[in-house]
Amino acid sequence: MFELSSFMIPWDSIFGFFSVRSILATIALFFLVVAIRKRLVVGDPYCTEGVFWRGLLVTGICSIIAVLVFQSVANFAFTSAVSTEDPIKMLHRGHMMAHHSKPALAILFLTLLIGGGYAFSMIDTSLFTHMISCTVGIGVLEEACKCGAALMVFSYYYRRRGVKMSLSPFVIAGLGFGGGEALHYFSTFNQAGDGFLVYLMRAWWCVPLHLAWTLAGGSLIVRRFSGVPDVGSFKGDQWWALLACLVPPIVLHGVYDAFCFHNNPLSYLVGVGTLIWGFAIFARSAVKKMSWWHWFLLLTVASWLIRGCDAVLRSV
């Protein structure tokens, strides 16, 4: 199950992308994206094909680059803090520099927290420890970056037209990040010699999970702020209110990854629950002409068939 979670991969692994399995998995991923795009365009008059594909490209590139950059910064900050001869003195110095600014202090705290969480996610430890570290080190970072990408798409393509509420940018951001991450992982799977079913699971199981987590967070944000907020005008506690809306998908994401790290079958339960929640929102708001259970049943049956075949092949 490790291949179906989030994990650090080297930059040069992208050169292993060009293989038959990677190309076939990319085609399978493309069909999934096209199917969702058709339903999204039908339900949202502002989500034209141009907006969808440009938004998909922008959110995929920006959110993944942001995750990689913030991961590196957080890991560097955490490593520096714990490797120095007097980490307490170093942290105190950072606090003194940031104490005049609450945002700076919050950024320092979150950077060290995420760096520590990601570091502990990569070591062999207990399930409970991984649940905490994956939630903090992976869930917070990835869900925040996807949310930021969605808000950017909304601001550029929707707010300028006077639209105050739409979940389509969150669908686009979830697909963009999940799809871009899948393409990067395909190259890693090729170097590791994984079977084709692992590729399909990453395309047809993990990408919809990213979409569902992002959409769940977007739905809570819209409900909390009575529309999609303009973060450019945020003050004080509004940032914490925004982060609070992301807590449920952050926790689900982190717990799912922790279960995957330990090959715990409860990851299936978390995944299925996430898909039910996400695609129920998807059906209500974005694709009114498509029953949510149609999408959920299709994805779940396909995913479980792939998982079953993979388990059989691994036992042979």
Protein backbone atom coordinates (compact mmCIF):
# COMPACT_ATOMS: atom_id res chain seq x y z
CA MET A 1 0.00 0.00 0.00
CA PHE A 2 3.00 2.31 0.36
CA GLU A 3 2.77 3.16 -3.35
CA LEU A 4 -0.74 4.58 -2.81
CA SER A 5 0.33 7.15 -0.22
CA SER A 6 2.46 10.30 -0.34
CA PHE A 7 6.21 9.87 -0.14
CA MET A 8 9.37 11.73 -1.10
CA ILE A 9 10.71 10.99 -4.55
CA PRO A 10 13.92 12.20 -6.23
CA TRP A 11 13.79 14.92 -8.89
CA ASP A 12 15.64 12.79 -11.46
CA SER A 13 13.01 10.06 -11.28
CA ILE A 14 11.03 11.92 -13.95
CA PHE A 15 13.46 10.51 -16.54
CA GLY A 16 12.00 7.07 -15.89
CA PHE A 17 8.56 8.19 -17.02
CA PHE A 18 8.87 7.04 -20.62
CA SER A 19 7.81 3.42 -20.41
CA VAL A 20 4.86 1.50 -21.82
CA ARG A 21 3.21 1.16 -18.41
CA SER A 22 3.62 4.85 -17.63
CA ILE A 23 2.15 5.87 -20.98
CA LEU A 24 -0.83 3.50 -20.65
CA ALA A 25 -1.50 4.72 -17.11
CA THR A 26 -1.34 8.32 -18.33
CA ILE A 27 -3.96 7.50 -20.97
CA ALA A 28 -6.18 5.94 -18.30
CA LEU A 29 -5.75 9.08 -16.16
CA PHE A 30 -6.61 11.27 -19.15
CA PHE A 31 -9.91 9.43 -19.68
CA LEU A 32 -10.82 10.00 -16.02
CA VAL A 33 -10.05 13.71 -16.26
CA VAL A 34 -12.05 14.07 -19.49
CA ALA A 35 -15.05 12.29 -17.97
CA ILE A 36 -15.08 14.64 -14.98
CA ARG A 37 -14.55 17.67 -17.23
CA LYS A 38 -17.64 16.83 -19.27
CA ARG A 39 -19.81 16.71 -16.16
CA LEU A 40 -18.23 19.89 -14.76
CA VAL A 41 -18.76 21.89 -17.97
CA VAL A 42 -22.41 20.82 -18.06
CA GLY A 43 -23.09 21.96 -14.50
CA ASP A 44 -21.06 25.20 -14.44
CA PRO A 45 -21.51 27.73 -17.30
CA TYR A 46 -18.38 29.62 -16.22
CA CYS A 47 -16.20 26.52 -16.39
CA THR A 48 -15.52 26.49 -20.11
CA GLU A 49 -13.11 24.02 -21.67
CA GLY A 50 -10.45 26.70 -21.82
CA VAL A 51 -10.88 27.58 -18.16
CA PHE A 52 -10.78 23.91 -17.17
CA TRP A 53 -7.62 22.94 -19.05
CA ARG A 54 -5.73 26.14 -18.23
CA GLY A 55 -6.78 25.87 -14.60
CA LEU A 56 -5.76 22.20 -14.52
CA LEU A 57 -2.31 23.02 -15.85
CA VAL A 58 -1.80 26.00 -13.54
CA THR A 59 -3.04 24.28 -10.36
CA GLY A 60 -1.09 21.11 -11.12
CA ILE A 61 2.20 22.90 -11.69
CA CYS A 62 1.85 25.57 -8.99
CA SER A 63 0.57 23.36 -6.19
CA ILE A 64 3.15 20.62 -6.76
CA ILE A 65 6.03 23.10 -6.99
CA ALA A 66 4.73 24.80 -3.84
CA VAL A 67 4.60 21.47 -1.99
CA LEU A 68 8.15 20.55 -3.03
CA VAL A 69 9.52 23.98 -2.11
CA PHE A 70 7.74 24.17 1.24
CA GLN A 71 8.75 20.58 2.02
CA SER A 72 12.39 21.43 1.39
CA VAL A 73 12.21 24.62 3.46
CA ALA A 74 10.37 22.90 6.31
CA ASN A 75 12.76 19.95 6.34
CA PHE A 76 15.77 22.29 6.29
CA ALA A 77 14.36 24.40 9.12
CA PHE A 78 13.55 21.36 11.24
CA THR A 79 16.90 19.67 10.56
CA SER A 80 18.76 22.89 11.40
CA ALA A 81 16.79 23.30 14.61
CA VAL A 82 17.46 19.79 15.90
CA SER A 83 21.03 19.42 14.65
CA THR A 84 22.45 22.58 16.19
CA GLU A 85 24.38 22.32 19.45
CA ASP A 86 21.76 24.37 21.31
CA PRO A 87 18.38 24.02 19.54
CA ILE A 88 16.56 25.82 22.37
CA LYS A 89 18.74 28.89 21.88
CA MET A 90 18.16 28.79 18.12
CA LEU A 91 14.39 28.52 18.54
CA HIS A 92 14.45 31.34 21.07
CA ARG A 93 16.37 33.51 18.59
CA GLY A 94 13.76 32.77 15.94
CA HIS A 95 11.01 33.63 18.38
CA MET A 96 12.68 36.95 19.27
CA MET A 97 12.89 37.85 15.57
CA ALA A 98 9.24 36.98 14.98
CA HIS A 99 7.61 38.09 18.24
CA HIS A 100 6.77 41.54 16.83
CA SER A 101 4.71 39.90 14.07
CA LYS A 102 2.09 37.25 14.74
CA PRO A 103 2.08 36.07 11.08
CA ALA A 104 5.86 35.59 11.17
CA LEU A 105 5.61 33.63 14.41
CA ALA A 106 2.82 31.47 12.95
CA ILE A 107 4.90 30.80 9.82
CA LEU A 108 7.93 29.83 11.94
CA PHE A 109 5.81 27.49 14.05
CA LEU A 110 4.09 25.84 11.07
CA THR A 111 7.39 25.47 9.19
CA LEU A 112 9.03 23.60 12.04
CA LEU A 113 5.88 21.57 12.67
CA ILE A 114 5.53 20.49 9.03
CA GLY A 115 9.25 19.73 8.73
CA GLY A 116 9.16 17.58 11.85
CA GLY A 117 5.99 15.83 10.73
CA TYR A 118 7.43 14.98 7.34
CA ALA A 119 10.69 13.77 8.87
CA PHE A 120 8.87 11.39 11.22
CA SER A 121 6.66 10.19 8.35
CA MET A 122 9.72 8.81 6.58
CA ILE A 123 10.99 6.62 9.45
CA ASP A 124 9.86 3.25 10.71
CA THR A 125 7.70 3.95 13.74
CA SER A 126 4.30 3.14 15.28
CA LEU A 127 0.96 3.62 13.53
CA PHE A 128 -0.13 6.28 16.03
CA THR A 129 3.06 8.28 15.47
CA HIS A 130 2.60 8.05 11.72
CA MET A 131 -1.01 9.21 12.01
CA ILE A 132 0.18 12.38 13.72
CA SER A 133 3.25 12.95 11.55
CA CYS A 134 1.44 12.28 8.25
CA THR A 135 -1.39 14.60 9.24
CA VAL A 136 0.98 17.42 10.15
CA GLY A 137 3.77 16.83 7.63
CA ILE A 138 1.76 15.75 4.59
CA GLY A 139 -1.91 16.58 5.11
CA VAL A 140 -1.44 20.20 6.17
CA LEU A 141 1.03 21.00 3.41
CA GLU A 142 -0.72 19.32 0.48
CA GLU A 143 -4.28 20.36 1.36
CA ALA A 144 -3.18 23.95 1.99
CA CYS A 145 -1.37 24.12 -1.36
CA LYS A 146 -4.36 22.68 -3.23
CA CYS A 147 -6.68 25.12 -1.49
CA GLY A 148 -4.39 28.01 -2.40
CA ALA A 149 -4.35 26.91 -6.04
CA ALA A 150 -8.15 26.65 -6.08
CA LEU A 151 -8.55 30.14 -4.62
CA MET A 152 -6.13 31.48 -7.23
CA VAL A 153 -8.17 29.95 -10.08
CA PHE A 154 -11.41 31.32 -8.61
CA SER A 155 -9.93 34.79 -8.24
CA TYR A 156 -8.68 34.90 -11.83
CA TYR A 157 -11.51 33.21 -13.72
CA TYR A 158 -14.59 33.70 -11.52
CA ARG A 159 -14.32 36.73 -9.23
CA ARG A 160 -13.55 38.99 -12.19
CA ARG A 161 -16.92 38.00 -13.65
CA GLY A 162 -18.77 38.82 -10.46
CA VAL A 163 -19.23 35.20 -9.37
CA LYS A 164 -19.17 34.77 -5.59
CA MET A 165 -19.61 31.02 -5.21
CA SER A 166 -18.39 28.01 -7.19
CA LEU A 167 -16.72 24.74 -6.22
CA SER A 168 -15.42 24.06 -9.72
CA PRO A 169 -11.98 25.59 -8.97
CA PHE A 170 -11.59 23.12 -6.10
CA VAL A 171 -12.41 20.23 -8.43
CA ILE A 172 -9.84 21.54 -10.92
CA ALA A 173 -7.20 22.00 -8.20
CA GLY A 174 -7.75 18.48 -6.83
CA LEU A 175 -7.46 16.97 -10.28
CA GLY A 176 -4.48 19.14 -11.17
CA PHE A 177 -2.48 18.23 -8.08
CA GLY A 178 -3.51 14.57 -8.07
CA GLY A 179 -2.80 14.19 -11.78
CA GLY A 180 0.56 15.93 -11.63
CA GLU A 181 1.58 13.89 -8.60
CA ALA A 182 0.51 10.70 -10.37
CA LEU A 183 2.67 11.50 -13.41
CA HIS A 184 5.66 12.05 -11.13
CA TYR A 185 5.04 8.80 -9.26
CA PHE A 186 4.66 6.84 -12.52
CA SER A 187 8.34 7.41 -13.21
CA THR A 188 9.23 6.17 -9.72
CA PHE A 189 7.09 3.05 -10.14
CA ASN A 190 8.94 2.33 -13.37
CA GLN A 191 12.32 2.45 -11.64
CA ALA A 192 11.01 0.24 -8.81
CA GLY A 193 9.63 -2.33 -11.25
CA ASP A 194 6.04 -2.12 -9.99
CA GLY A 195 3.26 -3.85 -11.88
CA PHE A 196 0.78 -2.05 -14.12
CA LEU A 197 -2.01 -2.39 -11.54
CA VAL A 198 -0.12 -0.09 -9.18
CA TYR A 199 -0.10 2.56 -11.92
CA LEU A 200 -3.85 2.19 -12.42
CA MET A 201 -4.51 2.48 -8.70
CA ARG A 202 -2.55 5.71 -8.57
CA ALA A 203 -4.58 7.05 -11.52
CA TRP A 204 -8.08 5.81 -10.66
CA TRP A 205 -7.96 5.67 -6.86
CA CYS A 206 -5.50 8.28 -5.58
CA VAL A 207 -6.40 11.08 -8.01
CA PRO A 208 -10.14 10.91 -7.09
CA LEU A 209 -9.09 10.90 -3.43
CA HIS A 210 -7.19 14.16 -3.93
CA LEU A 211 -10.21 15.59 -5.72
CA ALA A 212 -12.53 14.52 -2.89
CA TRP A 213 -10.29 15.96 -0.14
CA THR A 214 -9.95 19.28 -1.95
CA LEU A 215 -13.66 19.48 -2.71
CA ALA A 216 -14.58 18.68 0.91
CA GLY A 217 -12.36 21.50 2.12
CA GLY A 218 -13.80 23.85 -0.50
CA SER A 219 -17.35 23.03 0.56
CA LEU A 220 -16.57 23.84 4.20
CA ILE A 221 -14.88 27.10 3.16
CA VAL A 222 -17.89 28.18 1.09
CA ARG A 223 -20.21 27.36 3.97
CA ARG A 224 -18.07 29.19 6.54
CA PHE A 225 -17.52 32.36 4.48
CA SER A 226 -20.86 32.33 2.59
CA GLY A 227 -18.99 32.06 -0.68
CA VAL A 228 -15.42 31.76 -1.87
CA PRO A 229 -13.42 34.31 0.17
CA ASP A 230 -10.92 36.84 -1.12
CA VAL A 231 -7.84 36.00 0.92
CA GLY A 232 -6.24 39.26 -0.19
CA SER A 233 -8.50 41.10 2.23
CA PHE A 234 -8.09 38.64 5.12
CA LYS A 235 -7.26 39.98 8.55
CA GLY A 236 -6.23 38.28 11.78
CA ASP A 237 -8.38 35.32 12.74
CA GLN A 238 -9.79 34.85 9.24
CA TRP A 239 -6.66 32.89 8.32
CA TRP A 240 -7.23 30.53 11.24
CA ALA A 241 -10.89 30.18 10.23
CA LEU A 242 -9.73 29.18 6.75
CA LEU A 243 -7.30 26.64 8.18
CA ALA A 244 -10.04 25.25 10.44
CA CYS A 245 -12.15 24.51 7.35
CA LEU A 246 -9.30 22.35 6.02
CA VAL A 247 -8.92 20.30 9.22
CA PRO A 248 -11.29 17.42 8.19
CA PRO A 249 -9.60 16.73 4.81
CA ILE A 250 -6.17 17.24 6.40
CA VAL A 251 -6.91 14.60 9.04
CA LEU A 252 -8.43 12.18 6.51
CA HIS A 253 -5.40 12.61 4.24
CA GLY A 254 -2.90 12.05 7.04
CA VAL A 255 -4.70 9.05 8.52
CA TYR A 256 -5.07 7.46 5.08
CA ASP A 257 -1.34 7.79 4.40
CA ALA A 258 -0.49 6.37 7.83
CA PHE A 259 -2.69 3.32 7.22
CA CYS A 260 -1.07 2.83 3.82
CA PHE A 261 2.42 2.98 5.36
CA HIS A 262 1.43 0.12 7.70
CA ASN A 263 -0.52 -1.90 5.10
CA ASN A 264 -3.59 -1.48 7.27
CA PRO A 265 -6.88 -2.38 5.50
CA LEU A 266 -8.58 0.54 7.26
CA SER A 267 -7.09 2.66 4.48
CA TYR A 268 -9.86 1.22 2.28
CA LEU A 269 -12.48 2.45 4.75
CA VAL A 270 -10.98 5.94 4.87
CA GLY A 271 -10.72 6.02 1.08
CA VAL A 272 -14.30 4.88 0.48
CA GLY A 273 -15.63 7.31 3.09
CA THR A 274 -13.68 10.14 1.47
CA LEU A 275 -15.07 9.30 -1.96
CA ILE A 276 -18.63 9.18 -0.64
CA TRP A 277 -18.26 12.61 0.96
CA GLY A 278 -16.42 14.22 -1.94
CA PHE A 279 -18.56 12.91 -4.77
CA ALA A 280 -21.79 13.65 -2.86
CA ILE A 281 -20.66 17.31 -2.82
CA PHE A 282 -19.61 16.96 -6.46
CA ALA A 283 -23.08 15.80 -7.47
CA ARG A 284 -24.97 18.44 -5.49
CA SER A 285 -23.02 21.48 -6.58
CA ALA A 286 -21.09 20.94 -9.78
CA VAL A 287 -22.81 18.26 -11.84
CA LYS A 288 -26.52 18.42 -11.15
CA LYS A 289 -27.33 16.24 -14.14
CA MET A 290 -25.21 13.35 -12.89
CA SER A 291 -26.09 11.20 -9.89
CA TRP A 292 -23.27 11.10 -7.34
CA TRP A 293 -23.71 7.41 -6.75
CA HIS A 294 -23.01 6.75 -10.45
CA TRP A 295 -19.52 8.22 -10.12
CA PHE A 296 -18.86 6.67 -6.75
CA LEU A 297 -20.01 3.21 -7.80
CA LEU A 298 -17.95 3.34 -10.98
CA LEU A 299 -14.75 4.43 -9.23
CA THR A 300 -15.19 2.13 -6.25
CA VAL A 301 -15.90 -0.98 -8.30
CA ALA A 302 -12.95 -0.26 -10.59
CA SER A 303 -10.65 0.40 -7.64
CA TRP A 304 -11.64 -2.72 -5.73
CA LEU A 305 -11.28 -4.88 -8.84
CA ILE A 306 -7.81 -3.50 -9.40
CA ARG A 307 -6.88 -4.01 -5.74
CA GLY A 308 -8.20 -7.58 -5.83
CA CYS A 309 -6.28 -8.44 -8.97
CA ASP A 310 -3.16 -6.84 -7.53
CA ALA A 311 -3.46 -8.90 -4.32
CA VAL A 312 -3.89 -12.11 -6.32
CA LEU A 313 -0.87 -11.37 -8.49
CA ARG A 314 1.26 -10.52 -5.47
CA SER A 315 0.39 -13.85 -3.83
CA VAL A 316 1.35 -15.90 -6.87
